[in-house]
Protein backbone atom coordinates (compact mmCIF):
# COMPACT_ATOMS: atom_id res chain seq x y z
CA MET A 1 -28.06 -26.97 59.10
CA VAL A 2 -27.09 -27.83 55.51
CA LYS A 3 -26.13 -31.43 55.11
CA PRO A 4 -22.62 -32.20 53.75
CA ALA A 5 -24.11 -34.33 50.97
CA LEU A 6 -26.17 -31.36 49.72
CA VAL A 7 -23.12 -29.08 49.72
CA ALA A 8 -21.17 -31.64 47.71
CA ALA A 9 -23.98 -31.91 45.18
CA ILE A 10 -24.15 -28.14 44.75
CA VAL A 11 -20.37 -27.85 44.28
CA THR A 12 -20.38 -30.71 41.77
CA GLY A 13 -23.18 -29.01 39.84
CA LEU A 14 -21.30 -25.73 39.72
CA LEU A 15 -18.25 -27.45 38.26
CA TRP A 16 -20.33 -28.47 35.26
CA LEU A 17 -21.58 -24.94 34.55
CA PRO A 18 -20.00 -23.31 31.45
CA ALA A 19 -17.31 -20.77 32.28
CA VAL A 20 -18.28 -17.15 31.75
CA SER A 21 -15.61 -15.37 29.73
CA THR A 22 -14.70 -11.84 30.74
CA ALA A 23 -12.43 -11.30 27.74
CA GLN A 24 -13.57 -8.70 25.21
CA PRO A 25 -13.88 -9.82 21.58
CA PRO A 26 -11.06 -8.49 19.41
CA LEU A 27 -11.82 -5.19 17.73
CA ALA A 28 -12.27 -5.27 13.98
CA PRO A 29 -9.54 -3.36 12.15
CA PRO A 30 -10.71 0.10 11.12
CA ASP A 31 -11.76 0.56 7.51
CA ASP A 32 -10.48 3.29 5.21
CA ALA A 33 -13.09 5.82 6.31
CA ALA A 34 -12.32 5.26 10.00
CA MET A 35 -8.58 5.54 9.35
CA GLU A 36 -9.07 8.77 7.43
CA GLU A 37 -11.08 10.25 10.30
CA PHE A 38 -8.41 9.18 12.78
CA LEU A 39 -5.63 10.71 10.69
CA GLN A 40 -7.58 13.95 10.32
CA LYS A 41 -8.73 14.35 13.92
CA GLY A 42 -6.33 12.37 16.10
CA ARG A 43 -4.39 14.32 18.72
CA ILE A 44 -0.61 14.16 18.34
CA VAL A 45 0.93 12.92 21.60
CA ARG A 46 4.46 12.07 20.47
CA THR A 47 6.79 12.70 17.52
CA ARG A 48 10.21 11.39 16.46
CA SER A 49 12.18 10.80 13.28
CA ALA A 50 10.73 8.20 10.93
CA GLY A 51 14.20 6.66 10.81
CA LYS A 52 14.53 5.95 7.08
CA GLY A 53 14.48 8.01 3.93
CA VAL A 54 16.16 11.27 2.97
CA THR A 55 13.28 13.73 3.25
CA GLY A 56 13.34 14.20 7.01
CA SER A 57 9.93 12.66 7.57
CA THR A 58 8.31 12.23 10.97
CA ARG A 59 6.75 9.35 12.85
CA ALA A 60 4.02 10.48 15.23
CA THR A 61 1.66 8.81 17.67
CA LEU A 62 -1.96 9.96 17.51
CA THR A 63 -4.87 9.23 19.80
CA LEU A 64 -8.61 9.58 19.22
CA GLY A 65 -11.19 8.03 21.49
CA ASP A 66 -10.07 4.51 22.36
CA LEU A 67 -7.63 4.28 19.48
CA THR A 68 -3.91 5.11 19.62
CA HIS A 69 -1.80 4.52 16.53
CA ASP A 70 1.30 5.77 14.73
CA VAL A 71 1.36 7.76 11.50
CA HIS A 72 3.98 8.81 8.95
CA ILE A 73 4.10 12.56 8.29
CA GLN A 74 5.79 14.08 5.23
CA THR A 75 6.01 17.80 4.48
CA ILE A 76 8.52 17.66 1.60
CA ASP A 77 7.58 20.05 -1.23
CA GLU A 78 10.50 20.69 -3.57
CA SER A 79 10.75 21.47 -7.28
CA LYS A 80 14.01 21.81 -9.20
CA TRP A 81 14.84 22.38 -12.82
CA GLU A 82 17.70 19.89 -12.54
CA PHE A 83 18.34 17.22 -9.93
CA LYS A 84 21.41 14.99 -9.86
CA SER A 85 21.62 11.75 -7.93
CA ALA A 86 23.27 8.34 -8.14
CA ARG A 87 20.54 7.39 -10.61
CA GLY A 88 21.47 10.18 -12.99
CA THR A 89 20.11 13.63 -13.82
CA GLU A 90 16.40 14.37 -13.75
CA PHE A 91 14.93 17.55 -15.19
CA ASN A 92 11.74 19.15 -13.88
CA PHE A 93 12.31 17.26 -10.63
CA ARG A 94 9.52 17.24 -8.03
CA ASP A 95 9.48 15.74 -4.54
CA LYS A 96 6.07 16.46 -3.01
CA TRP A 97 3.93 15.22 -0.13
CA HIS A 98 0.91 15.73 -2.40
CA PHE A 99 1.83 12.64 -4.38
CA ASN A 100 1.36 10.37 -1.34
CA ILE A 101 -2.32 11.27 -1.27
CA ALA A 102 -2.69 11.01 -5.04
CA ALA A 103 -1.14 7.51 -4.90
CA TYR A 104 -3.56 6.44 -2.15
CA LYS A 105 -6.62 7.73 -3.97
CA LEU A 106 -5.57 6.20 -7.28
CA ASP A 107 -4.80 2.89 -5.54
CA ARG A 108 -8.37 2.77 -4.24
CA LEU A 109 -9.86 3.71 -7.62
CA LEU A 110 -8.15 0.60 -9.00
CA ASP A 111 -8.84 -1.49 -5.86
CA LEU A 112 -5.20 -2.44 -5.53
CA GLN A 113 -5.07 -2.14 -1.73
CA LEU A 114 -1.30 -1.63 -1.79
CA VAL A 115 -1.03 1.92 -0.44
CA PRO A 116 -1.85 2.71 3.21
CA VAL A 117 -4.57 5.27 3.95
CA THR A 118 -3.25 8.81 3.54
CA VAL A 119 -4.85 12.23 4.09
CA GLU A 120 -3.88 15.89 3.96
CA ARG A 121 -3.40 17.66 7.27
CA ARG A 122 -1.31 20.48 8.68
CA PHE A 123 1.72 19.75 10.84
CA LYS A 124 3.61 22.52 12.63
CA GLY A 125 2.02 25.09 10.38
CA GLU A 126 2.80 23.26 7.13
CA ALA A 127 0.57 21.25 4.83
CA ALA A 128 1.52 17.58 4.95
CA SER A 129 0.52 14.03 4.17
CA PHE A 130 -0.45 11.83 7.13
CA THR A 131 -0.16 8.10 6.37
CA TRP A 132 -1.39 5.23 8.54
CA TRP A 133 1.65 3.40 9.94
CA VAL A 134 1.57 -0.18 8.68
CA ASP A 135 0.74 -2.71 11.41
CA ASP A 136 2.40 -6.07 12.13
CA VAL A 137 5.49 -5.40 10.02
CA LEU A 138 7.73 -8.42 9.59
CA MET A 139 10.42 -6.76 7.47
CA ASP A 140 10.92 -4.62 4.41
CA GLU A 141 12.00 -5.95 1.05
CA GLY A 142 15.59 -4.94 1.69
CA GLU A 143 15.73 -7.04 4.85
CA ARG A 144 14.05 -9.96 3.06
CA LEU A 145 16.65 -9.95 0.32
CA GLU A 146 19.55 -9.50 2.74
CA LYS A 147 18.41 -12.46 4.83
CA ASN A 148 17.43 -14.48 1.74
CA VAL A 149 13.95 -15.19 3.10
CA ALA A 150 11.68 -16.92 0.61
CA PRO A 151 7.96 -16.06 0.69
CA PRO A 152 5.88 -18.94 2.06
CA ASP A 153 3.64 -18.81 -1.01
CA GLY A 154 5.35 -17.88 -4.25
CA ARG A 155 2.13 -17.30 -6.16
CA CYS A 156 0.62 -15.05 -3.50
CA TRP A 157 3.84 -13.05 -3.36
CA ASP A 158 4.12 -12.73 -7.12
CA ASP A 159 0.48 -11.64 -7.47
CA GLN A 160 1.14 -8.73 -5.14
CA MET A 161 4.51 -7.76 -6.59
CA GLN A 162 3.15 -7.82 -10.13
CA LEU A 163 0.43 -5.34 -9.15
CA LEU A 164 3.01 -3.15 -7.46
CA GLY A 165 5.10 -3.20 -10.63
CA VAL A 166 2.11 -2.12 -12.71
CA PHE A 167 1.23 0.62 -10.25
CA ASP A 168 4.76 2.02 -10.21
CA GLN A 169 4.83 2.14 -14.01
CA LEU A 170 1.42 3.84 -14.06
CA ILE A 171 2.43 6.60 -11.61
CA GLU A 172 6.02 6.69 -12.90
CA ASN A 173 7.49 6.27 -9.45
CA THR A 174 11.18 7.10 -9.77
CA ASP A 175 12.01 6.22 -6.17
CA ARG A 176 10.71 2.73 -5.57
CA ASN A 177 13.33 0.93 -3.52
CA VAL A 178 13.59 -2.07 -1.24
CA GLY A 179 13.18 0.11 1.83
CA ASN A 180 9.70 1.33 0.96
CA VAL A 181 8.17 -2.05 0.20
CA VAL A 182 6.88 -3.22 3.58
CA ILE A 183 5.93 -6.84 4.35
CA THR A 184 3.58 -7.78 7.17
CA LYS A 185 3.58 -10.98 9.21
CA ALA A 186 0.79 -12.23 6.95
CA TRP A 187 3.09 -11.60 3.94
CA ARG A 188 0.93 -8.80 2.70
CA VAL A 189 2.81 -6.15 0.71
CA TRP A 190 2.39 -2.42 1.36
CA ALA A 191 3.97 0.31 -0.75
CA ILE A 192 4.92 3.52 1.05
CA ASP A 193 6.49 6.89 0.17
CA HIS A 194 5.40 8.13 -3.27
CA THR A 195 6.73 11.68 -3.13
CA ARG A 196 8.83 11.21 -6.28
CA ALA A 197 6.12 9.88 -8.56
CA PHE A 198 3.77 11.26 -11.24
CA ARG A 199 6.34 12.31 -13.79
CA HIS A 200 5.40 13.28 -17.35
CA SER A 201 6.63 10.41 -19.53
CA LYS A 202 4.05 9.22 -22.03
CA VAL A 203 4.95 5.53 -21.81
CA PRO A 204 6.08 3.31 -18.92
CA ALA A 205 9.82 3.51 -18.30
CA LYS A 206 10.28 -0.21 -17.52
CA PRO A 207 7.57 -2.26 -19.23
CA ALA A 208 9.53 -5.49 -18.72
CA LYS A 209 8.54 -5.25 -15.05
CA MET A 210 4.90 -5.77 -16.07
CA ARG A 211 4.57 -9.50 -16.72
CA ARG A 212 1.13 -10.32 -15.29
CA VAL A 213 -1.94 -8.43 -14.11
CA ASP A 214 -5.16 -9.20 -12.29
CA ARG A 215 -7.96 -9.08 -14.86
CA GLY A 216 -10.20 -6.99 -12.59
CA VAL A 217 -7.46 -4.41 -12.10
CA LEU A 218 -6.91 -4.28 -15.86
CA GLU A 219 -10.62 -3.62 -16.43
CA ARG A 220 -10.66 -0.80 -13.88
CA LEU A 221 -7.47 0.62 -15.33
CA ALA A 222 -8.96 0.66 -18.83
CA ALA A 223 -12.10 2.39 -17.52
CA LEU A 224 -10.24 5.35 -15.96
CA ASP A 225 -11.10 8.68 -17.55
CA PHE A 226 -9.92 12.24 -17.21
CA ASP A 227 -13.08 13.51 -15.48
CA THR A 228 -12.87 10.86 -12.76
CA LEU A 229 -9.19 11.51 -12.15
CA LYS A 230 -9.76 15.26 -12.14
CA ARG A 231 -12.53 14.94 -9.57
CA GLU A 232 -10.53 12.68 -7.26
CA LEU A 233 -7.00 14.04 -7.67
CA ARG A 234 -7.26 17.70 -8.68
CA SER A 235 -5.98 18.93 -5.32
CA TYR A 236 -2.75 16.96 -5.78
CA LEU A 237 -2.12 16.58 -9.52
CA ASN A 238 -2.42 19.15 -12.31
CA ASP A 239 -3.89 18.55 -15.75
CA SER A 240 -0.49 17.78 -17.27
CA ASP A 241 0.10 15.13 -14.60
CA LEU A 242 -3.27 13.55 -15.36
CA ARG A 243 -2.81 13.51 -19.11
CA ALA A 244 0.62 11.91 -18.77
CA LEU A 245 -0.85 9.32 -16.40
CA LEU A 246 -3.61 8.48 -18.89
CA SER A 247 -1.07 8.20 -21.70
CA ARG A 248 0.91 5.67 -19.66
CA ARG A 249 -2.36 3.94 -18.83
CA ASP A 250 -3.14 3.52 -22.53
CA ALA A 251 0.28 1.96 -23.11
CA ILE A 252 -0.09 -0.38 -20.12
CA VAL A 253 -3.52 -1.60 -21.21
CA ALA A 254 -2.26 -2.21 -24.75
CA HIS A 255 0.78 -3.99 -23.30
CA PHE A 256 -1.33 -6.52 -21.41
CA ARG A 257 -4.00 -6.96 -24.05
CA ALA A 258 -1.25 -7.92 -26.49
CA GLY A 259 -0.28 -10.72 -24.11
CA GLY A 260 -3.74 -12.30 -24.08
CA GLU A 261 -4.96 -14.73 -21.44
CA ARG A 262 -1.48 -15.95 -20.55
CA VAL A 263 -0.69 -12.70 -18.68
CA LEU A 264 -4.00 -12.43 -16.79
CA TYR A 265 -4.84 -13.90 -13.41
CA ASP A 266 -7.53 -13.63 -10.74
CA ARG A 267 -6.08 -12.21 -7.57
CA ARG A 268 -6.63 -14.01 -4.30
CA ASP A 269 -7.27 -12.18 -1.05
CA THR A 270 -3.86 -10.70 -0.32
CA ALA A 271 -4.98 -9.73 3.17
CA ALA A 272 -5.07 -13.41 4.12
CA THR A 273 -2.01 -15.34 5.18
CA CYS A 274 -0.22 -16.81 2.18
CA ARG A 275 -0.18 -20.57 1.98
CA ALA A 276 2.85 -22.50 3.16
CA THR A 277 3.69 -23.81 -0.30
CA PRO A 278 3.07 -22.40 -3.78
CA PRO A 279 0.64 -24.20 -6.11
CA PRO A 280 2.38 -26.90 -8.19
CA ASP A 281 1.13 -25.47 -11.48
CA PHE A 282 2.67 -22.00 -10.98
CA GLN A 283 5.09 -21.04 -13.73
CA GLU A 284 6.85 -17.79 -14.52
CA PRO A 285 5.13 -16.19 -17.54
CA PRO A 286 7.19 -14.89 -20.46
CA VAL A 287 8.22 -11.25 -20.74
CA ILE A 288 6.15 -9.28 -23.23
CA LYS A 289 7.92 -7.31 -25.93
CA ASN A 290 9.28 -3.98 -24.73
CA LEU A 291 7.01 -1.06 -25.56
CA ARG A 292 9.98 0.92 -26.81
CA ASP A 293 10.99 -1.75 -29.36
């Protein structure tokens, strides 16, 4: 017969043993290559309207292995000699899903990390762009402005928005609006929907929007060449598109080099949560002279 004192000692000893956790460690977020594979191979289990925009895009839920995630599908492919809108008249108008993929690939060439992973895939018999649906969305820029929500870290916010401004001038995005700038709970900025980009202007349309630039991005921008762009983007942009892009690139690089050190900065990790308060030494830099002047 086991003595009560021995039982008590055993129980007391067990109470001091470390608890064994049965919880699984959190999965690391998939990288670009894993997202591309998912977008290419995932099985569509549900579709519905994306809810915003005027191109009739689709939100779909895909599943592959243990992963289930939403995607944004766009099949728009329109070209018009003349297009009239509230913004005015545009000639040689193009609204194409192809440009979503070109924007993603160019974003990664420059290491901007502003455009979600996007691939080409067929949807209901049509060629389309499939874009990873942004996770942990807090709001879009329109909602932020409407609610007058200030970013928790002004410098972190401005670093990201300055890069977005440069990117939009580079690709000549004629449809950037507050609804397609998405903000996550970590205050990371994502730019979506680039179907009305890659026009043929030789210089940026709004150079005043380009006040500052990360010096690493500027170096990569200056190093772009036709052969690299042709290799990476030839399925989505023609030679005229590429030459116009490089012409705008030349103007952008000259624009920032004229500003010297005062317009350069070293970007922090925009994937990390922005700090609660901006650094005390942050000041708005001056606007550089307009390229058209």
